[in-house]
């Protein structure tokens, strides 16, 4: 039996975790988050591939590639794109696998524009406000959706 593959997509400015607004995001780096996800993935028996870009078109292309590859689930923290990128939303809508949206900060307790997710109607669920644990909870949710 082939190992299930989960794709973690990180969007605009998230490569700056550890340097950017530690009140909202803490001091953990994206590389440290990726390592924790991969370690948890190994525990759960899934392979986790992590991808980050600051270019919207590249994100859409990676989502298209995920469809072609037949990934089993997608986790996405699109950063600010969450609130306005219909291009990424439409790319995600092509996927036939579970998609889990996540955010380190509680977007609903922040600026009003962050309260809206253009992905909300097409994702399996959303997790926010738990820092790095949002990523780990998102991975657990994706695996549960595959097992469910």
Protein backbone atom coordinates (compact mmCIF):
# COMPACT_ATOMS: atom_id res chain seq x y z
CA UNK A 1 0.00 0.00 0.00
CA UNK A 2 1.40 3.41 -0.92
CA UNK A 3 2.04 5.96 1.79
CA UNK A 4 -0.47 8.80 1.79
CA UNK A 5 0.90 12.22 0.86
CA UNK A 6 -0.15 15.48 2.48
CA UNK A 7 0.88 18.77 0.87
CA UNK A 8 1.41 21.78 3.15
CA UNK A 9 1.09 25.07 1.26
CA UNK A 10 2.39 28.28 2.84
CA UNK A 11 1.65 31.60 1.22
CA UNK A 12 2.82 35.15 1.08
CA UNK A 13 5.18 36.43 3.80
CA UNK A 14 5.11 33.20 5.78
CA UNK A 15 8.79 32.65 5.03
CA UNK A 16 9.26 35.52 7.52
CA UNK A 17 7.94 33.56 10.52
CA UNK A 18 10.41 34.02 13.35
CA UNK A 19 11.09 37.60 12.29
CA UNK A 20 7.60 38.96 11.58
CA UNK A 21 5.27 40.22 14.34
CA UNK A 22 6.19 37.84 17.19
CA UNK A 23 3.07 38.91 19.14
CA UNK A 24 0.87 37.28 16.48
CA UNK A 25 3.17 34.54 15.21
CA UNK A 26 5.71 33.78 17.92
CA UNK A 27 9.39 33.22 17.17
CA UNK A 28 9.23 29.83 15.46
CA UNK A 29 10.53 29.77 11.90
CA UNK A 30 8.83 28.19 8.90
CA UNK A 31 11.66 25.66 8.71
CA UNK A 32 10.97 24.62 12.32
CA UNK A 33 7.25 24.32 11.56
CA UNK A 34 8.01 22.17 8.50
CA UNK A 35 10.23 19.89 10.62
CA UNK A 36 7.50 19.46 13.24
CA UNK A 37 4.94 18.66 10.55
CA UNK A 38 7.20 16.08 8.95
CA UNK A 39 7.92 14.48 12.34
CA UNK A 40 4.20 14.27 13.15
CA UNK A 41 3.52 12.96 9.65
CA UNK A 42 6.00 10.14 10.25
CA UNK A 43 4.20 9.31 13.52
CA UNK A 44 0.86 9.27 11.70
CA UNK A 45 2.19 7.23 8.78
CA UNK A 46 1.90 9.94 6.10
CA UNK A 47 4.46 11.81 4.03
CA UNK A 48 4.33 15.59 4.36
CA UNK A 49 5.69 17.85 1.65
CA UNK A 50 6.01 21.54 2.51
CA UNK A 51 5.94 24.34 -0.06
CA UNK A 52 6.09 28.13 0.33
CA UNK A 53 5.92 30.93 -2.20
CA UNK A 54 5.38 34.67 -2.26
CA UNK A 55 4.04 34.50 -5.83
CA UNK A 56 0.33 33.90 -6.34
CA UNK A 57 0.69 32.32 -9.77
CA UNK A 58 3.30 29.88 -8.45
CA UNK A 59 0.88 28.88 -5.68
CA UNK A 60 -1.82 28.18 -8.27
CA UNK A 61 0.62 26.10 -10.32
CA UNK A 62 1.62 24.06 -7.24
CA UNK A 63 -2.05 23.40 -6.51
CA UNK A 64 -2.56 22.26 -10.13
CA UNK A 65 0.45 19.97 -9.73
CA UNK A 66 -1.07 18.56 -6.53
CA UNK A 67 -4.19 17.65 -8.51
CA UNK A 68 -2.11 15.94 -11.20
CA UNK A 69 -0.03 14.09 -8.59
CA UNK A 70 -3.15 12.92 -6.78
CA UNK A 71 -2.08 14.11 -3.33
CA UNK A 72 -4.29 12.72 -0.59
CA UNK A 73 -4.90 15.98 1.29
CA UNK A 74 -3.81 19.62 1.31
CA UNK A 75 -3.17 21.93 4.22
CA UNK A 76 -3.02 25.63 3.39
CA UNK A 77 -1.99 28.74 5.26
CA UNK A 78 -2.25 31.23 2.44
CA UNK A 79 -1.55 34.24 4.65
CA UNK A 80 -3.17 37.42 3.33
CA UNK A 81 -4.23 35.64 0.12
CA UNK A 82 -6.87 33.89 2.24
CA UNK A 83 -8.88 37.09 2.32
CA UNK A 84 -8.92 38.04 -1.36
CA UNK A 85 -7.33 35.54 -3.78
CA UNK A 86 -10.09 34.13 -5.92
CA UNK A 87 -7.38 32.70 -8.18
CA UNK A 88 -6.07 30.47 -5.38
CA UNK A 89 -9.63 29.71 -4.27
CA UNK A 90 -10.53 28.52 -7.77
CA UNK A 91 -7.34 26.43 -7.98
CA UNK A 92 -8.18 24.79 -4.62
CA UNK A 93 -11.71 24.08 -5.89
CA UNK A 94 -10.20 21.84 -8.59
CA UNK A 95 -8.87 19.47 -5.93
CA UNK A 96 -10.87 16.36 -5.10
CA UNK A 97 -9.05 15.68 -1.82
CA UNK A 98 -9.71 17.20 1.63
CA UNK A 99 -8.33 20.73 2.08
CA UNK A 100 -7.77 22.16 5.57
CA UNK A 101 -7.24 25.92 5.99
CA UNK A 102 -5.11 26.99 8.92
CA UNK A 103 -3.69 30.12 10.50
CA UNK A 104 -1.33 30.59 13.44
CA UNK A 105 -3.19 33.64 14.74
CA UNK A 106 -6.88 33.90 15.52
CA UNK A 107 -7.90 35.77 12.38
CA UNK A 108 -11.35 36.43 13.86
CA UNK A 109 -9.82 38.47 16.69
CA UNK A 110 -7.81 40.67 14.34
CA UNK A 111 -8.55 43.35 11.74
CA UNK A 112 -12.01 43.04 10.13
CA UNK A 113 -10.63 42.21 6.67
CA UNK A 114 -9.04 39.06 8.16
CA UNK A 115 -12.45 37.77 9.28
CA UNK A 116 -13.29 36.76 5.69
CA UNK A 117 -11.89 33.67 4.01
CA UNK A 118 -12.62 33.29 0.31
CA UNK A 119 -11.70 29.60 0.77
CA UNK A 120 -14.27 28.90 3.52
CA UNK A 121 -16.94 27.38 1.29
CA UNK A 122 -14.58 24.88 -0.37
CA UNK A 123 -12.37 23.66 2.49
CA UNK A 124 -13.12 20.75 4.80
CA UNK A 125 -12.50 22.98 7.82
CA UNK A 126 -10.52 25.80 9.35
CA UNK A 127 -8.15 25.90 12.32
CA UNK A 128 -6.79 29.16 13.70
CA UNK A 129 -5.36 30.76 16.79
CA UNK A 130 -3.15 27.99 18.15
CA UNK A 131 0.25 29.09 16.86
CA UNK A 132 2.36 26.23 15.59
CA UNK A 133 -0.26 23.84 16.96
CA UNK A 134 -2.64 25.08 14.24
CA UNK A 135 -0.35 23.30 11.78
CA UNK A 136 -0.21 20.10 13.84
CA UNK A 137 -3.97 20.11 14.45
CA UNK A 138 -4.49 20.71 10.72
CA UNK A 139 -2.38 17.67 9.86
CA UNK A 140 -4.28 15.53 12.36
CA UNK A 141 -7.58 16.78 10.89
CA UNK A 142 -6.47 15.97 7.34
CA UNK A 143 -5.39 12.45 8.33
CA UNK A 144 -8.69 11.94 10.18
CA UNK A 145 -10.59 13.08 7.06
CA UNK A 146 -8.70 10.48 5.03
CA UNK A 147 -9.43 7.74 7.59
CA UNK A 148 -13.07 8.82 7.99
